[in-house]
Amino acid sequence: MLESYGFEISHAGLLNEQFLGSLELTAYELLIIDQNEDIPTLSPNAAERLWHRPVLFNDSMATRVSLQKGNPAFGRMLVEQICTLLDPDNP
């Protein structure tokens, strides 16, 4: 879905400390954490310790339901959240 708004998903994987440690921080602008699938795989505060750039916590179940229902407003809302995280001075 994000690709249709011009975003590039450049790295995806099971989110754990090893995955976070393997990311080259300068190569990525934003980390999207799935509240349903990723949170249980992370140790407490791992994202804060290992990632020092913007983080978006996403509910993949809500995303799936919105896509299935054909709700275009949901995609725009998600894109707006990402843009605000990447450039907070230009909402």
PDB file of N, CA and C in Angstrom:
ATOM      1  N   MET A   1       0.821  -1.186   0.000  1.00  0.00           N
ATOM      2  CA  MET A   1       0.000   0.000   0.000  1.00  0.00           C
ATOM      3  C   MET A   1       0.866   1.252   0.000  1.00  0.00           C
ATOM      4  N   LEU A   2       1.925   1.278   0.802  1.00  0.00           N
ATOM      5  CA  LEU A   2       2.745   2.486   0.879  1.00  0.00           C
ATOM      6  C   LEU A   2       3.463   2.775  -0.437  1.00  0.00           C
ATOM      7  N   GLU A   3       3.788   1.727  -1.181  1.00  0.00           N
ATOM      8  CA  GLU A   3       4.430   1.933  -2.474  1.00  0.00           C
ATOM      9  C   GLU A   3       3.543   2.741  -3.415  1.00  0.00           C
ATOM     10  N   SER A   4       2.228   2.567  -3.308  1.00  0.00           N
ATOM     11  CA  SER A   4       1.319   3.311  -4.181  1.00  0.00           C
ATOM     12  C   SER A   4       1.325   4.804  -3.883  1.00  0.00           C
ATOM     13  N   TYR A   5       1.880   5.196  -2.731  1.00  0.00           N
ATOM     14  CA  TYR A   5       2.004   6.608  -2.371  1.00  0.00           C
ATOM     15  C   TYR A   5       3.432   7.116  -2.599  1.00  0.00           C
ATOM     16  N   GLY A   6       4.263   6.313  -3.242  1.00  0.00           N
ATOM     17  CA  GLY A   6       5.614   6.750  -3.576  1.00  0.00           C
ATOM     18  C   GLY A   6       6.676   6.392  -2.553  1.00  0.00           C
ATOM     19  N   PHE A   7       6.330   5.626  -1.533  1.00  0.00           N
ATOM     20  CA  PHE A   7       7.319   5.210  -0.545  1.00  0.00           C
ATOM     21  C   PHE A   7       8.024   3.950  -1.019  1.00  0.00           C
ATOM     22  N   GLU A   8       9.261   3.787  -0.595  1.00  0.00           N
ATOM     23  CA  GLU A   8      10.021   2.582  -0.910  1.00  0.00           C
ATOM     24  C   GLU A   8      10.223   1.785   0.373  1.00  0.00           C
ATOM     25  N   ILE A   9       9.804   0.547   0.366  1.00  0.00           N
ATOM     26  CA  ILE A   9      10.035  -0.353   1.487  1.00  0.00           C
ATOM     27  C   ILE A   9      11.346  -1.053   1.181  1.00  0.00           C
ATOM     28  N   SER A  10      12.392  -0.694   1.889  1.00  0.00           N
ATOM     29  CA  SER A  10      13.707  -1.182   1.507  1.00  0.00           C
ATOM     30  C   SER A  10      14.216  -2.342   2.351  1.00  0.00           C
ATOM     31  N   HIS A  11      13.580  -2.616   3.467  1.00  0.00           N
ATOM     32  CA  HIS A  11      14.043  -3.716   4.302  1.00  0.00           C
ATOM     33  C   HIS A  11      12.881  -4.172   5.173  1.00  0.00           C
ATOM     34  N   ALA A  12      12.643  -5.448   5.198  1.00  0.00           N
ATOM     35  CA  ALA A  12      11.579  -5.987   6.034  1.00  0.00           C
ATOM     36  C   ALA A  12      12.070  -7.283   6.648  1.00  0.00           C
ATOM     37  N   GLY A  13      11.600  -7.566   7.839  1.00  0.00           N
ATOM     38  CA  GLY A  13      11.994  -8.810   8.478  1.00  0.00           C
ATOM     39  C   GLY A  13      11.384  -8.928   9.853  1.00  0.00           C
ATOM     40  N   LEU A  14      11.646 -10.053  10.484  1.00  0.00           N
ATOM     41  CA  LEU A  14      11.175 -10.275  11.835  1.00  0.00           C
ATOM     42  C   LEU A  14      11.892  -9.291  12.751  1.00  0.00           C
ATOM     43  N   LEU A  15      11.134  -8.489  13.437  1.00  0.00           N
ATOM     44  CA  LEU A  15      11.727  -7.432  14.237  1.00  0.00           C
ATOM     45  C   LEU A  15      12.195  -7.984  15.582  1.00  0.00           C
ATOM     46  N   ASN A  16      13.497  -8.029  15.726  1.00  0.00           N
ATOM     47  CA  ASN A  16      14.117  -8.414  16.991  1.00  0.00           C
ATOM     48  C   ASN A  16      15.419  -7.628  17.105  1.00  0.00           C
ATOM     49  N   GLU A  17      16.158  -7.825  18.182  1.00  0.00           N
ATOM     50  CA  GLU A  17      17.373  -7.042  18.383  1.00  0.00           C
ATOM     51  C   GLU A  17      18.410  -7.300  17.295  1.00  0.00           C
ATOM     52  N   GLN A  18      18.509  -8.530  16.820  1.00  0.00           N
ATOM     53  CA  GLN A  18      19.458  -8.848  15.758  1.00  0.00           C
ATOM     54  C   GLN A  18      19.104  -8.086  14.482  1.00  0.00           C
ATOM     55  N   PHE A  19      17.824  -8.055  14.133  1.00  0.00           N
ATOM     56  CA  PHE A  19      17.376  -7.324  12.942  1.00  0.00           C
ATOM     57  C   PHE A  19      17.683  -5.836  13.094  1.00  0.00           C
ATOM     58  N   LEU A  20      17.325  -5.255  14.229  1.00  0.00           N
ATOM     59  CA  LEU A  20      17.582  -3.832  14.435  1.00  0.00           C
ATOM     60  C   LEU A  20      19.070  -3.522  14.383  1.00  0.00           C
ATOM     61  N   GLY A  21      19.874  -4.391  14.974  1.00  0.00           N
ATOM     62  CA  GLY A  21      21.316  -4.175  14.970  1.00  0.00           C
ATOM     63  C   GLY A  21      21.933  -4.282  13.585  1.00  0.00           C
ATOM     64  N   SER A  22      21.276  -4.996  12.673  1.00  0.00           N
ATOM     65  CA  SER A  22      21.813  -5.170  11.322  1.00  0.00           C
ATOM     66  C   SER A  22      21.491  -3.992  10.407  1.00  0.00           C
ATOM     67  N   LEU A  23      20.580  -3.137  10.808  1.00  0.00           N
ATOM     68  CA  LEU A  23      20.195  -2.010   9.950  1.00  0.00           C
ATOM     69  C   LEU A  23      21.268  -0.931   9.986  1.00  0.00           C
ATOM     70  N   GLU A  24      21.604  -0.430   8.828  1.00  0.00           N
ATOM     71  CA  GLU A  24      22.515   0.701   8.746  1.00  0.00           C
ATOM     72  C   GLU A  24      21.659   1.958   8.942  1.00  0.00           C
ATOM     73  N   LEU A  25      21.836   2.615  10.072  1.00  0.00           N
ATOM     74  CA  LEU A  25      20.937   3.709  10.447  1.00  0.00           C
ATOM     75  C   LEU A  25      20.852   4.813   9.401  1.00  0.00           C
ATOM     76  N   THR A  26      21.916   5.059   8.676  1.00  0.00           N
ATOM     77  CA  THR A  26      21.874   6.146   7.703  1.00  0.00           C
ATOM     78  C   THR A  26      21.083   5.784   6.457  1.00  0.00           C
ATOM     79  N   ALA A  27      20.790   4.497   6.269  1.00  0.00           N
ATOM     80  CA  ALA A  27      20.108   4.071   5.046  1.00  0.00           C
ATOM     81  C   ALA A  27      18.589   4.137   5.155  1.00  0.00           C
ATOM     82  N   TYR A  28      18.064   4.254   6.348  1.00  0.00           N
ATOM     83  CA  TYR A  28      16.613   4.190   6.549  1.00  0.00           C
ATOM     84  C   TYR A  28      16.131   5.416   7.309  1.00  0.00           C
ATOM     85  N   GLU A  29      14.986   5.918   6.903  1.00  0.00           N
ATOM     86  CA  GLU A  29      14.451   7.121   7.518  1.00  0.00           C
ATOM     87  C   GLU A  29      13.432   6.848   8.601  1.00  0.00           C
ATOM     88  N   LEU A  30      12.777   5.693   8.546  1.00  0.00           N
ATOM     89  CA  LEU A  30      11.653   5.419   9.438  1.00  0.00           C
ATOM     90  C   LEU A  30      11.573   3.928   9.707  1.00  0.00           C
ATOM     91  N   LEU A  31      11.226   3.575  10.918  1.00  0.00           N
ATOM     92  CA  LEU A  31      10.994   2.183  11.289  1.00  0.00           C
ATOM     93  C   LEU A  31       9.511   2.027  11.586  1.00  0.00           C
ATOM     94  N   ILE A  32       8.871   1.075  10.913  1.00  0.00           N
ATOM     95  CA  ILE A  32       7.461   0.780  11.173  1.00  0.00           C
ATOM     96  C   ILE A  32       7.399  -0.511  11.964  1.00  0.00           C
ATOM     97  N   ILE A  33       6.819  -0.430  13.148  1.00  0.00           N
ATOM     98  CA  ILE A  33       6.694  -1.583  14.034  1.00  0.00           C
ATOM     99  C   ILE A  33       5.242  -2.019  14.046  1.00  0.00           C
ATOM    100  N   ASP A  34       5.024  -3.270  13.736  1.00  0.00           N
ATOM    101  CA  ASP A  34       3.679  -3.836  13.755  1.00  0.00           C
ATOM    102  C   ASP A  34       3.318  -4.182  15.192  1.00  0.00           C
ATOM    103  N   GLN A  35       2.281  -3.569  15.701  1.00  0.00           N
ATOM    104  CA  GLN A  35       1.881  -3.789  17.092  1.00  0.00           C
ATOM    105  C   GLN A  35       1.463  -5.225  17.352  1.00  0.00           C
ATOM    106  N   ASN A  36       0.958  -5.904  16.343  1.00  0.00           N
ATOM    107  CA  ASN A  36       0.466  -7.271  16.535  1.00  0.00           C
ATOM    108  C   ASN A  36       1.564  -8.316  16.418  1.00  0.00           C
ATOM    109  N   GLU A  37       2.483  -8.119  15.489  1.00  0.00           N
ATOM    110  CA  GLU A  37       3.479  -9.149  15.212  1.00  0.00           C
ATOM    111  C   GLU A  37       4.855  -8.834  15.780  1.00  0.00           C
ATOM    112  N   ASP A  38       5.256  -7.563  15.804  1.00  0.00           N
ATOM    113  CA  ASP A  38       6.624  -7.221  16.190  1.00  0.00           C
ATOM    114  C   ASP A  38       6.822  -7.022  17.684  1.00  0.00           C
ATOM    115  N   ILE A  39       5.869  -6.397  18.340  1.00  0.00           N
ATOM    116  CA  ILE A  39       6.048  -6.086  19.756  1.00  0.00           C
ATOM    117  C   ILE A  39       6.403  -7.333  20.570  1.00  0.00           C
ATOM    118  N   PRO A  40       5.722  -8.463  20.366  1.00  0.00           N
ATOM    119  CA  PRO A  40       6.076  -9.646  21.170  1.00  0.00           C
ATOM    120  C   PRO A  40       7.486 -10.173  20.921  1.00  0.00           C
ATOM    121  N   THR A  41       8.121  -9.834  19.786  1.00  0.00           N
ATOM    122  CA  THR A  41       9.451 -10.355  19.484  1.00  0.00           C
ATOM    123  C   THR A  41      10.563  -9.463  20.010  1.00  0.00           C
ATOM    124  N   LEU A  42      10.226  -8.280  20.495  1.00  0.00           N
ATOM    125  CA  LEU A  42      11.238  -7.339  20.975  1.00  0.00           C
ATOM    126  C   LEU A  42      11.382  -7.409  22.482  1.00  0.00           C
ATOM    127  N   SER A  43      12.618  -7.276  22.931  1.00  0.00           N
ATOM    128  CA  SER A  43      12.807  -7.136  24.368  1.00  0.00           C
ATOM    129  C   SER A  43      12.417  -5.712  24.752  1.00  0.00           C
ATOM    130  N   PRO A  44      12.083  -5.468  26.013  1.00  0.00           N
ATOM    131  CA  PRO A  44      11.646  -4.121  26.422  1.00  0.00           C
ATOM    132  C   PRO A  44      12.670  -3.056  26.046  1.00  0.00           C
ATOM    133  N   ASN A  45      12.195  -1.993  25.452  1.00  0.00           N
ATOM    134  CA  ASN A  45      12.985  -0.817  25.068  1.00  0.00           C
ATOM    135  C   ASN A  45      14.035  -1.089  23.997  1.00  0.00           C
ATOM    136  N   ALA A  46      13.979  -2.219  23.323  1.00  0.00           N
ATOM    137  CA  ALA A  46      14.982  -2.531  22.293  1.00  0.00           C
ATOM    138  C   ALA A  46      14.968  -1.498  21.176  1.00  0.00           C
ATOM    139  N   ALA A  47      13.792  -1.124  20.708  1.00  0.00           N
ATOM    140  CA  ALA A  47      13.720  -0.152  19.613  1.00  0.00           C
ATOM    141  C   ALA A  47      14.342   1.169  20.028  1.00  0.00           C
ATOM    142  N   GLU A  48      14.074   1.610  21.239  1.00  0.00           N
ATOM    143  CA  GLU A  48      14.628   2.881  21.710  1.00  0.00           C
ATOM    144  C   GLU A  48      16.147   2.813  21.859  1.00  0.00           C
ATOM    145  N   ARG A  49      16.664   1.654  22.273  1.00  0.00           N
ATOM    146  CA  ARG A  49      18.111   1.507  22.456  1.00  0.00           C
ATOM    147  C   ARG A  49      18.855   1.388  21.134  1.00  0.00           C
ATOM    148  N   LEU A  50      18.253   0.745  20.155  1.00  0.00           N
ATOM    149  CA  LEU A  50      18.965   0.406  18.928  1.00  0.00           C
ATOM    150  C   LEU A  50      18.589   1.257  17.721  1.00  0.00           C
ATOM    151  N   TRP A  51      17.523   2.005  17.814  1.00  0.00           N
ATOM    152  CA  TRP A  51      17.044   2.797  16.675  1.00  0.00           C
ATOM    153  C   TRP A  51      16.831   4.226  17.143  1.00  0.00           C
ATOM    154  N   HIS A  52      17.493   5.170  16.497  1.00  0.00           N
ATOM    155  CA  HIS A  52      17.440   6.564  16.942  1.00  0.00           C
ATOM    156  C   HIS A  52      16.829   7.479  15.890  1.00  0.00           C
ATOM    157  N   ARG A  53      15.882   6.952  15.183  1.00  0.00           N
ATOM    158  CA  ARG A  53      15.170   7.720  14.169  1.00  0.00           C
ATOM    159  C   ARG A  53      13.678   7.538  14.415  1.00  0.00           C
ATOM    160  N   PRO A  54      12.818   8.180  13.633  1.00  0.00           N
ATOM    161  CA  PRO A  54      11.371   8.068  13.876  1.00  0.00           C
ATOM    162  C   PRO A  54      10.859   6.621  13.811  1.00  0.00           C
ATOM    163  N   VAL A  55       9.868   6.347  14.662  1.00  0.00           N
ATOM    164  CA  VAL A  55       9.223   5.036  14.731  1.00  0.00           C
ATOM    165  C   VAL A  55       7.723   5.228  14.599  1.00  0.00           C
ATOM    166  N   LEU A  56       7.100   4.417  13.765  1.00  0.00           N
ATOM    167  CA  LEU A  56       5.645   4.409  13.633  1.00  0.00           C
ATOM    168  C   LEU A  56       5.149   3.047  14.096  1.00  0.00           C
ATOM    169  N   PHE A  57       4.270   3.052  15.079  1.00  0.00           N
ATOM    170  CA  PHE A  57       3.645   1.822  15.535  1.00  0.00           C
ATOM    171  C   PHE A  57       2.365   1.639  14.734  1.00  0.00           C
ATOM    172  N   ASN A  58       2.284   0.557  13.979  1.00  0.00           N
ATOM    173  CA  ASN A  58       1.163   0.308  13.093  1.00  0.00           C
ATOM    174  C   ASN A  58       0.391  -0.932  13.535  1.00  0.00           C
ATOM    175  N   ASP A  59      -0.898  -0.877  13.387  1.00  0.00           N
ATOM    176  CA  ASP A  59      -1.760  -2.025  13.679  1.00  0.00           C
ATOM    177  C   ASP A  59      -2.078  -2.709  12.352  1.00  0.00           C
ATOM    178  N   SER A  60      -1.376  -3.791  12.053  1.00  0.00           N
ATOM    179  CA  SER A  60      -1.540  -4.440  10.755  1.00  0.00           C
ATOM    180  C   SER A  60      -2.941  -4.993  10.558  1.00  0.00           C
ATOM    181  N   MET A  61      -3.594  -5.386  11.637  1.00  0.00           N
ATOM    182  CA  MET A  61      -4.960  -5.893  11.509  1.00  0.00           C
ATOM    183  C   MET A  61      -5.889  -4.783  11.024  1.00  0.00           C
ATOM    184  N   ALA A  62      -5.751  -3.588  11.585  1.00  0.00           N
ATOM    185  CA  ALA A  62      -6.573  -2.450  11.144  1.00  0.00           C
ATOM    186  C   ALA A  62      -6.247  -2.092   9.699  1.00  0.00           C
ATOM    187  N   THR A  63      -4.974  -2.179   9.339  1.00  0.00           N
ATOM    188  CA  THR A  63      -4.578  -1.896   7.960  1.00  0.00           C
ATOM    189  C   THR A  63      -5.221  -2.896   7.012  1.00  0.00           C
ATOM    190  N   ARG A  64      -5.156  -4.178   7.347  1.00  0.00           N
ATOM    191  CA  ARG A  64      -5.748  -5.221   6.503  1.00  0.00           C
ATOM    192  C   ARG A  64      -7.248  -5.012   6.322  1.00  0.00           C
ATOM    193  N   VAL A  65      -7.941  -4.742   7.420  1.00  0.00           N
ATOM    194  CA  VAL A  65      -9.391  -4.536   7.359  1.00  0.00           C
ATOM    195  C   VAL A  65      -9.713  -3.326   6.479  1.00  0.00           C
ATOM    196  N   SER A  66      -8.968  -2.251   6.648  1.00  0.00           N
ATOM    197  CA  SER A  66      -9.214  -1.045   5.845  1.00  0.00           C
ATOM    198  C   SER A  66      -8.985  -1.298   4.366  1.00  0.00           C
ATOM    199  N   LEU A  67      -7.939  -2.063   4.049  1.00  0.00           N
ATOM    200  CA  LEU A  67      -7.679  -2.385   2.641  1.00  0.00           C
ATOM    201  C   LEU A  67      -8.783  -3.272   2.072  1.00  0.00           C
ATOM    202  N   GLN A  68      -9.234  -4.236   2.853  1.00  0.00           N
ATOM    203  CA  GLN A  68     -10.294  -5.140   2.396  1.00  0.00           C
ATOM    204  C   GLN A  68     -11.599  -4.387   2.162  1.00  0.00           C
ATOM    205  N   LYS A  69     -11.854  -3.381   2.979  1.00  0.00           N
ATOM    206  CA  LYS A  69     -13.074  -2.588   2.836  1.00  0.00           C
ATOM    207  C   LYS A  69     -12.926  -1.501   1.772  1.00  0.00           C
ATOM    208  N   GLY A  70     -11.714  -1.345   1.253  1.00  0.00           N
ATOM    209  CA  GLY A  70     -11.499  -0.324   0.228  1.00  0.00           C
ATOM    210  C   GLY A  70     -11.601   1.085   0.779  1.00  0.00           C
ATOM    211  N   ASN A  71     -11.065   1.310   1.958  1.00  0.00           N
ATOM    212  CA  ASN A  71     -11.134   2.605   2.624  1.00  0.00           C
ATOM    213  C   ASN A  71      -9.918   3.453   2.244  1.00  0.00           C
ATOM    214  N   PRO A  72     -10.028   4.316   1.234  1.00  0.00           N
ATOM    215  CA  PRO A  72      -8.878   5.114   0.801  1.00  0.00           C
ATOM    216  C   PRO A  72      -8.443   6.141   1.841  1.00  0.00           C
ATOM    217  N   ALA A  73      -9.327   6.549   2.711  1.00  0.00           N
ATOM    218  CA  ALA A  73      -8.969   7.528   3.738  1.00  0.00           C
ATOM    219  C   ALA A  73      -7.931   6.961   4.699  1.00  0.00           C
ATOM    220  N   PHE A  74      -7.968   5.657   4.933  1.00  0.00           N
ATOM    221  CA  PHE A  74      -7.009   5.048   5.844  1.00  0.00           C
ATOM    222  C   PHE A  74      -5.587   5.180   5.299  1.00  0.00           C
ATOM    223  N   GLY A  75      -5.410   4.898   4.020  1.00  0.00           N
ATOM    224  CA  GLY A  75      -4.087   5.019   3.407  1.00  0.00           C
ATOM    225  C   GLY A  75      -3.570   6.445   3.479  1.00  0.00           C
ATOM    226  N   ARG A  76      -4.422   7.401   3.193  1.00  0.00           N
ATOM    227  CA  ARG A  76      -4.009   8.809   3.282  1.00  0.00           C
ATOM    228  C   ARG A  76      -3.632   9.177   4.707  1.00  0.00           C
ATOM    229  N   MET A  77      -4.385   8.680   5.695  1.00  0.00           N
ATOM    230  CA  MET A  77      -4.089   8.980   7.091  1.00  0.00           C
ATOM    231  C   MET A  77      -2.720   8.395   7.482  1.00  0.00           C
ATOM    232  N   LEU A  78      -2.432   7.180   7.052  1.00  0.00           N
ATOM    233  CA  LEU A  78      -1.158   6.547   7.346  1.00  0.00           C
ATOM    234  C   LEU A  78      -0.010   7.333   6.711  1.00  0.00           C
ATOM    235  N   VAL A  79      -0.187   7.749   5.464  1.00  0.00           N
ATOM    236  CA  VAL A  79       0.825   8.540   4.767  1.00  0.00           C
ATOM    237  C   VAL A  79       1.041   9.877   5.479  1.00  0.00           C
ATOM    238  N   GLU A  80      -0.021  10.517   5.931  1.00  0.00           N
ATOM    239  CA  GLU A  80       0.109  11.773   6.668  1.00  0.00           C
ATOM    240  C   GLU A  80       0.898  11.573   7.954  1.00  0.00           C
ATOM    241  N   GLN A  81       0.647  10.477   8.661  1.00  0.00           N
ATOM    242  CA  GLN A  81       1.400  10.187   9.884  1.00  0.00           C
ATOM    243  C   GLN A  81       2.888  10.010   9.582  1.00  0.00           C
ATOM    244  N   ILE A  82       3.194   9.292   8.529  1.00  0.00           N
ATOM    245  CA  ILE A  82       4.591   9.076   8.146  1.00  0.00           C
ATOM    246  C   ILE A  82       5.257  10.401   7.772  1.00  0.00           C
ATOM    247  N   CYS A  83       4.586  11.211   6.963  1.00  0.00           N
ATOM    248  CA  CYS A  83       5.149  12.492   6.557  1.00  0.00           C
ATOM    249  C   CYS A  83       5.396  13.396   7.756  1.00  0.00           C
ATOM    250  N   THR A  84       4.497  13.385   8.721  1.00  0.00           N
ATOM    251  CA  THR A  84       4.679  14.199   9.925  1.00  0.00           C
ATOM    252  C   THR A  84       5.878  13.705  10.732  1.00  0.00           C
ATOM    253  N   LEU A  85       6.048  12.401  10.823  1.00  0.00           N
ATOM    254  CA  LEU A  85       7.219  11.872  11.539  1.00  0.00           C
ATOM    255  C   LEU A  85       8.517  12.236  10.844  1.00  0.00           C
ATOM    256  N   LEU A  86       8.526  12.210   9.519  1.00  0.00           N
ATOM    257  CA  LEU A  86       9.736  12.498   8.767  1.00  0.00           C
ATOM    258  C   LEU A  86      10.051  13.974   8.713  1.00  0.00           C
ATOM    259  N   ASP A  87       9.032  14.817   8.756  1.00  0.00           N
ATOM    260  CA  ASP A  87       9.235  16.272   8.689  1.00  0.00           C
ATOM    261  C   ASP A  87       8.244  16.957   9.616  1.00  0.00           C
ATOM    262  N   PRO A  88       8.515  16.935  10.937  1.00  0.00           N
ATOM    263  CA  PRO A  88       7.548  17.484  11.889  1.00  0.00           C
ATOM    264  C   PRO A  88       7.291  18.988  11.749  1.00  0.00           C
ATOM    265  N   ASP A  89       8.211  19.697  11.081  1.00  0.00           N
ATOM    266  CA  ASP A  89       8.024  21.138  10.894  1.00  0.00           C
ATOM    267  C   ASP A  89       7.143  21.473   9.711  1.00  0.00           C
ATOM    268  N   ASN A  90       6.753  20.454   8.933  1.00  0.00           N
ATOM    269  CA  ASN A  90       5.945  20.681   7.748  1.00  0.00           C
ATOM    270  C   ASN A  90       4.764  19.696   7.751  1.00  0.00           C
ATOM    271  N   PRO A  91       3.775  19.934   8.640  1.00  0.00           N
ATOM    272  CA  PRO A  91       2.654  18.982   8.720  1.00  0.00           C
ATOM    273  C   PRO A  91       1.757  19.005   7.501  1.00  0.00           C
TER     274      PRO A  91
END
